[in-house]
N, C-alpha and C. Protein backbone atom coordinates (compact mmCIF):
# COMPACT_ATOMS: atom_id res chain seq x y z
N MET A 1 7.81 14.25 5.97
CA MET A 1 8.48 13.67 7.28
C MET A 1 9.20 12.52 7.05
N THR A 2 10.51 12.26 7.79
CA THR A 2 11.20 11.45 7.91
C THR A 2 10.94 10.08 8.91
N VAL A 3 11.07 9.19 8.37
CA VAL A 3 10.91 8.23 9.06
C VAL A 3 12.31 7.18 8.86
N GLN A 4 11.86 6.12 10.25
CA GLN A 4 12.86 4.89 10.21
C GLN A 4 12.36 3.64 8.97
N SER A 5 13.76 3.52 8.02
CA SER A 5 13.43 2.02 7.14
C SER A 5 14.24 0.66 8.05
N GLN A 6 12.60 0.28 7.75
CA GLN A 6 12.99 -0.92 8.50
C GLN A 6 14.38 -2.03 7.60
N ARG A 7 14.01 -1.53 6.13
CA ARG A 7 14.88 -2.85 5.72
C ARG A 7 16.57 -1.76 6.07
N THR A 8 16.80 -0.66 5.48
CA THR A 8 17.62 0.24 5.52
C THR A 8 18.45 0.72 7.15
N ASP A 9 17.57 0.60 7.88
CA ASP A 9 17.97 1.42 9.57
C ASP A 9 18.02 2.07 8.87
N SER A 10 18.07 3.75 8.14
CA SER A 10 18.31 4.75 7.97
C SER A 10 17.17 5.60 7.77
N ALA A 11 17.62 6.72 7.62
CA ALA A 11 16.60 7.85 7.75
C ALA A 11 15.67 7.73 6.30
N VAL A 12 14.85 7.95 5.57
CA VAL A 12 13.93 7.50 4.07
C VAL A 12 12.91 8.88 4.62
N GLU A 13 12.47 9.24 3.02
CA GLU A 13 12.08 10.63 3.38
C GLU A 13 10.25 9.95 2.66
N GLN A 14 9.47 9.94 3.40
CA GLN A 14 8.10 9.51 3.24
C GLN A 14 8.07 10.48 1.88
N PRO A 15 6.57 9.55 1.10
CA PRO A 15 6.05 10.49 0.22
C PRO A 15 5.17 11.57 1.14
N ARG A 16 5.28 12.81 0.27
CA ARG A 16 4.24 14.20 0.64
C ARG A 16 3.17 13.49 0.40
N THR A 17 1.81 14.02 1.31
CA THR A 17 0.75 13.51 1.60
C THR A 17 -0.38 14.79 0.44
N ASP A 18 0.33 15.48 0.02
CA ASP A 18 -0.91 16.55 -0.89
C ASP A 18 -0.82 15.95 -2.23
N LEU A 19 -0.04 14.67 -3.07
CA LEU A 19 0.49 14.45 -4.03
C LEU A 19 -0.45 13.51 -4.52
N PRO A 20 -1.32 13.63 -5.76
CA PRO A 20 -2.19 12.99 -6.51
C PRO A 20 -2.79 11.78 -6.40
N SER A 21 -4.28 11.65 -5.78
CA SER A 21 -4.96 10.73 -5.22
C SER A 21 -5.51 9.75 -6.45
N GLY A 22 -5.74 9.75 -7.77
CA GLY A 22 -6.70 9.31 -8.54
C GLY A 22 -5.95 8.01 -8.63
N ALA A 23 -6.19 6.82 -9.46
CA ALA A 23 -5.94 5.86 -9.27
C ALA A 23 -4.73 5.62 -9.61
N ASP A 24 -4.32 6.35 -10.82
CA ASP A 24 -2.98 6.20 -10.65
C ASP A 24 -2.27 7.29 -9.60
N GLY A 25 -2.53 7.72 -8.54
CA GLY A 25 -1.72 8.96 -8.23
C GLY A 25 -0.93 8.16 -7.40
N TRP A 26 -0.76 7.04 -6.72
CA TRP A 26 0.81 6.12 -6.68
C TRP A 26 1.58 6.26 -7.47
N LEU A 27 1.84 6.41 -8.15
CA LEU A 27 3.07 7.30 -9.48
C LEU A 27 3.84 8.37 -9.42
N ALA A 28 2.77 9.18 -8.48
CA ALA A 28 4.05 10.60 -8.59
C ALA A 28 5.07 10.49 -7.47
N PRO A 29 4.50 9.73 -7.11
CA PRO A 29 5.74 9.61 -5.73
C PRO A 29 6.90 9.10 -6.62
N ALA A 30 6.71 7.91 -7.52
CA ALA A 30 7.93 6.98 -7.41
C ALA A 30 8.64 7.66 -8.41
N LEU A 31 7.90 8.87 -9.71
CA LEU A 31 8.06 8.93 -10.69
C LEU A 31 9.39 10.12 -9.94
N VAL A 32 8.71 11.26 -8.67
CA VAL A 32 9.23 11.86 -8.84
C VAL A 32 10.84 11.49 -7.58
N ARG A 33 10.46 10.27 -7.22
CA ARG A 33 11.38 10.15 -6.51
C ARG A 33 12.25 9.27 -7.17
N ARG A 34 12.67 8.62 -8.59
CA ARG A 34 13.49 8.26 -9.90
C ARG A 34 14.07 9.49 -10.60
N GLY A 35 13.72 11.08 -10.47
CA GLY A 35 13.65 12.18 -11.12
C GLY A 35 13.02 12.26 -12.41
N VAL A 36 12.03 11.61 -12.41
CA VAL A 36 10.97 11.43 -13.94
C VAL A 36 10.70 13.33 -14.66
N LEU A 37 9.94 13.34 -12.44
CA LEU A 37 9.41 14.54 -12.39
C LEU A 37 9.67 15.23 -11.88
N THR A 38 9.58 16.68 -11.87
CA THR A 38 9.13 17.51 -10.26
C THR A 38 8.92 17.18 -9.66
N PRO A 39 9.09 17.50 -8.23
CA PRO A 39 7.62 17.90 -7.31
C PRO A 39 6.26 18.66 -7.60
N ASP A 40 6.80 19.66 -8.31
CA ASP A 40 5.42 20.39 -8.64
C ASP A 40 5.33 19.94 -9.67
N GLN A 41 5.77 19.43 -10.42
CA GLN A 41 5.25 18.93 -11.88
C GLN A 41 3.85 17.58 -11.63
N ALA A 42 4.46 16.83 -10.44
CA ALA A 42 3.62 15.81 -9.58
C ALA A 42 2.19 16.33 -8.92
N ASP A 43 2.65 17.43 -8.71
CA ASP A 43 1.71 18.31 -7.64
C ASP A 43 -0.14 18.77 -9.17
N ASP A 44 1.11 19.41 -9.83
CA ASP A 44 0.00 19.82 -11.49
C ASP A 44 -0.62 18.31 -11.91
N LEU A 45 -0.17 17.37 -11.78
CA LEU A 45 -1.33 16.33 -12.13
C LEU A 45 -2.33 15.53 -11.42
N GLY A 46 -1.36 16.08 -10.08
CA GLY A 46 -3.58 16.05 -9.21
C GLY A 46 -4.21 16.50 -9.95
N ARG A 47 -4.15 17.04 -10.86
CA ARG A 47 -5.53 18.42 -11.60
C ARG A 47 -5.84 17.73 -12.44
N CYS A 48 -5.06 16.97 -13.39
CA CYS A 48 -4.80 16.17 -14.90
C CYS A 48 -6.19 15.34 -14.38
N PRO A 49 -7.43 15.33 -16.15
CA PRO A 49 -8.61 14.05 -16.04
C PRO A 49 -8.06 12.97 -15.84
N GLY A 50 -6.61 13.16 -17.24
CA GLY A 50 -6.25 11.95 -17.44
C GLY A 50 -5.23 11.20 -16.67
N GLY A 51 -5.65 11.62 -15.47
CA GLY A 51 -4.73 10.64 -14.69
C GLY A 51 -2.89 11.57 -14.31
N VAL A 52 -2.29 10.62 -13.51
CA VAL A 52 -0.54 10.82 -13.88
C VAL A 52 -0.09 10.15 -14.40
N TRP A 53 -0.07 9.02 -15.51
CA TRP A 53 0.57 8.45 -16.03
C TRP A 53 0.43 9.30 -17.58
N GLY A 54 -1.60 9.55 -17.74
CA GLY A 54 -1.79 10.49 -19.21
C GLY A 54 -1.22 11.74 -19.47
N GLY A 55 -1.21 12.49 -18.28
CA GLY A 55 -0.85 14.08 -18.05
C GLY A 55 0.90 13.70 -17.95
N ALA A 56 1.03 13.18 -17.48
CA ALA A 56 2.88 13.56 -17.98
C ALA A 56 2.92 13.15 -19.60
N LEU A 57 2.30 12.06 -19.89
CA LEU A 57 3.08 11.68 -21.32
C LEU A 57 2.12 13.12 -22.36
N GLU A 58 0.58 13.90 -22.36
CA GLU A 58 0.45 14.59 -22.84
C GLU A 58 0.96 16.28 -22.81
N ARG A 59 1.87 16.40 -21.38
CA ARG A 59 2.95 17.21 -20.99
C ARG A 59 3.74 17.36 -21.86
N THR A 60 4.11 15.62 -22.41
CA THR A 60 4.98 16.05 -22.47
C THR A 60 6.13 15.88 -21.25
N TRP A 61 5.73 15.93 -20.57
CA TRP A 61 7.44 15.67 -18.89
C TRP A 61 7.29 14.74 -19.23
N ALA A 62 7.59 13.09 -19.39
CA ALA A 62 7.68 12.34 -19.45
C ALA A 62 6.49 10.89 -20.78
N THR A 63 7.75 10.34 -21.13
CA THR A 63 8.62 9.22 -21.98
C THR A 63 7.39 7.79 -21.18
N ASN A 64 6.87 6.84 -21.76
CA ASN A 64 5.47 5.91 -21.69
C ASN A 64 7.63 4.53 -21.57
N ASP A 65 8.70 4.61 -22.25
CA ASP A 65 9.64 4.35 -21.53
C ASP A 65 10.15 4.66 -20.41
N GLN A 66 9.62 5.89 -19.77
CA GLN A 66 10.68 7.06 -18.57
C GLN A 66 9.56 6.04 -17.16
N ILE A 67 8.07 6.29 -18.00
CA ILE A 67 7.61 5.98 -16.63
C ILE A 67 7.56 3.99 -16.06
N VAL A 68 7.74 3.65 -17.56
CA VAL A 68 7.81 2.53 -17.44
C VAL A 68 9.12 1.85 -16.31
N GLY A 69 9.91 2.32 -16.97
CA GLY A 69 11.49 2.34 -16.26
C GLY A 69 11.12 2.19 -14.49
N ALA A 70 10.20 3.67 -14.34
CA ALA A 70 10.76 4.21 -12.85
C ALA A 70 9.79 2.87 -11.93
N ILE A 71 8.68 3.22 -13.08
CA ILE A 71 7.87 1.30 -12.39
C ILE A 71 8.75 0.62 -11.73
N ALA A 72 9.85 -0.01 -12.80
CA ALA A 72 10.10 -1.25 -12.82
C ALA A 72 11.49 -1.23 -11.97
N ALA A 73 12.18 0.05 -11.30
CA ALA A 73 12.97 0.52 -10.46
C ALA A 73 12.12 0.37 -9.01
N ALA A 74 11.29 1.25 -9.43
CA ALA A 74 10.06 1.00 -7.64
C ALA A 74 9.90 -0.16 -7.07
N PHE A 75 9.44 -1.19 -8.40
CA PHE A 75 9.61 -2.73 -7.43
C PHE A 75 10.26 -3.59 -7.97
N ARG A 76 11.71 -2.99 -8.04
CA ARG A 76 12.91 -3.77 -7.90
C ARG A 76 12.48 -5.13 -8.88
N LEU A 77 12.35 -4.62 -10.13
CA LEU A 77 11.99 -5.92 -11.55
C LEU A 77 12.51 -5.00 -12.35
N PRO A 78 13.33 -6.26 -13.13
CA PRO A 78 13.49 -5.41 -14.83
C PRO A 78 12.11 -5.54 -15.55
N VAL A 79 12.46 -4.44 -16.45
CA VAL A 79 11.18 -3.63 -17.48
C VAL A 79 11.18 -5.89 -18.62
N ALA A 80 9.70 -5.21 -18.98
CA ALA A 80 9.26 -6.70 -19.36
C ALA A 80 10.46 -6.43 -20.77
N ASP A 81 10.76 -7.52 -21.45
CA ASP A 81 10.55 -6.99 -22.84
C ASP A 81 9.81 -8.21 -24.11
N LEU A 82 8.87 -7.14 -24.12
CA LEU A 82 7.26 -8.24 -24.48
C LEU A 82 7.21 -8.55 -25.93
N THR A 83 8.82 -8.32 -27.17
CA THR A 83 9.19 -9.16 -28.22
C THR A 83 9.61 -9.72 -27.73
N LYS A 84 10.20 -10.28 -27.04
CA LYS A 84 10.93 -11.67 -26.81
C LYS A 84 10.00 -13.27 -26.63
N GLY A 85 8.39 -12.98 -26.52
CA GLY A 85 7.31 -13.41 -26.18
C GLY A 85 6.60 -14.36 -26.90
N ASP A 86 6.37 -15.42 -26.57
CA ASP A 86 5.76 -16.49 -27.77
C ASP A 86 4.54 -15.81 -28.21
N GLY A 87 4.87 -15.77 -29.24
CA GLY A 87 2.73 -15.62 -29.92
C GLY A 87 2.05 -16.57 -29.61
N ARG A 88 2.41 -17.58 -29.35
CA ARG A 88 1.29 -17.90 -28.86
C ARG A 88 0.64 -17.89 -27.66
N THR A 89 0.94 -17.55 -27.43
CA THR A 89 0.75 -17.08 -25.25
C THR A 89 -0.87 -16.23 -25.57
N VAL A 90 -0.41 -15.74 -26.66
CA VAL A 90 -1.88 -14.91 -26.87
C VAL A 90 -3.39 -15.67 -27.10
N GLU A 91 -3.10 -16.40 -27.55
CA GLU A 91 -4.02 -17.47 -27.72
C GLU A 91 -4.69 -18.33 -26.81
N LEU A 92 -3.98 -18.84 -25.35
CA LEU A 92 -3.91 -19.06 -24.36
C LEU A 92 -4.78 -18.13 -23.15
N ILE A 93 -4.85 -16.75 -23.36
CA ILE A 93 -6.05 -16.45 -22.69
C ILE A 93 -6.67 -16.00 -23.37
N PRO A 94 -7.80 -15.93 -22.23
CA PRO A 94 -9.47 -15.93 -22.86
C PRO A 94 -9.90 -14.54 -23.79
N ARG A 95 -9.76 -13.89 -24.83
CA ARG A 95 -10.55 -12.97 -25.08
C ARG A 95 -10.48 -11.83 -24.48
N ARG A 96 -12.08 -12.30 -23.37
CA ARG A 96 -12.39 -11.50 -22.66
C ARG A 96 -11.70 -10.82 -21.54
N ARG A 97 -10.95 -11.40 -21.07
CA ARG A 97 -9.54 -11.34 -20.41
C ARG A 97 -8.48 -10.47 -20.81
N ARG A 98 -8.70 -10.73 -22.45
CA ARG A 98 -7.46 -9.76 -23.04
C ARG A 98 -7.87 -8.00 -23.18
N GLY A 99 -9.27 -8.04 -22.54
CA GLY A 99 -9.63 -6.68 -23.73
C GLY A 99 -9.47 -6.59 -24.50
N ALA A 100 -9.46 -7.35 -25.74
CA ALA A 100 -9.32 -7.42 -27.00
C ALA A 100 -10.83 -6.71 -27.66
N THR A 101 -10.22 -6.42 -28.99
CA THR A 101 -10.89 -5.06 -29.71
C THR A 101 -10.77 -5.58 -31.19
N TRP A 102 -9.62 -6.28 -30.83
CA TRP A 102 -9.26 -7.05 -32.54
C TRP A 102 -10.29 -8.29 -33.33
């Protein structure tokens, strides 16, 4: 379905409504738009118990870097380089919030 975009004043393609609808189902349209997945692959991931991200990795249709890059591009954000962070930061986050197992 095509609609007018308020931002660009041009027609843009709306995400298909038959794509995956699980917790990370929103990823499928973003990955298709960025060329990481084909529409058929996105449809197949709708039946995957591991969700879109897990299913794409399991089937080797995408890498973590490709998925993260597509998400960053969709939100117009740079991909965070966690290797440049200050190691002391982890001590400031309460352990229960980090979901730490160490």
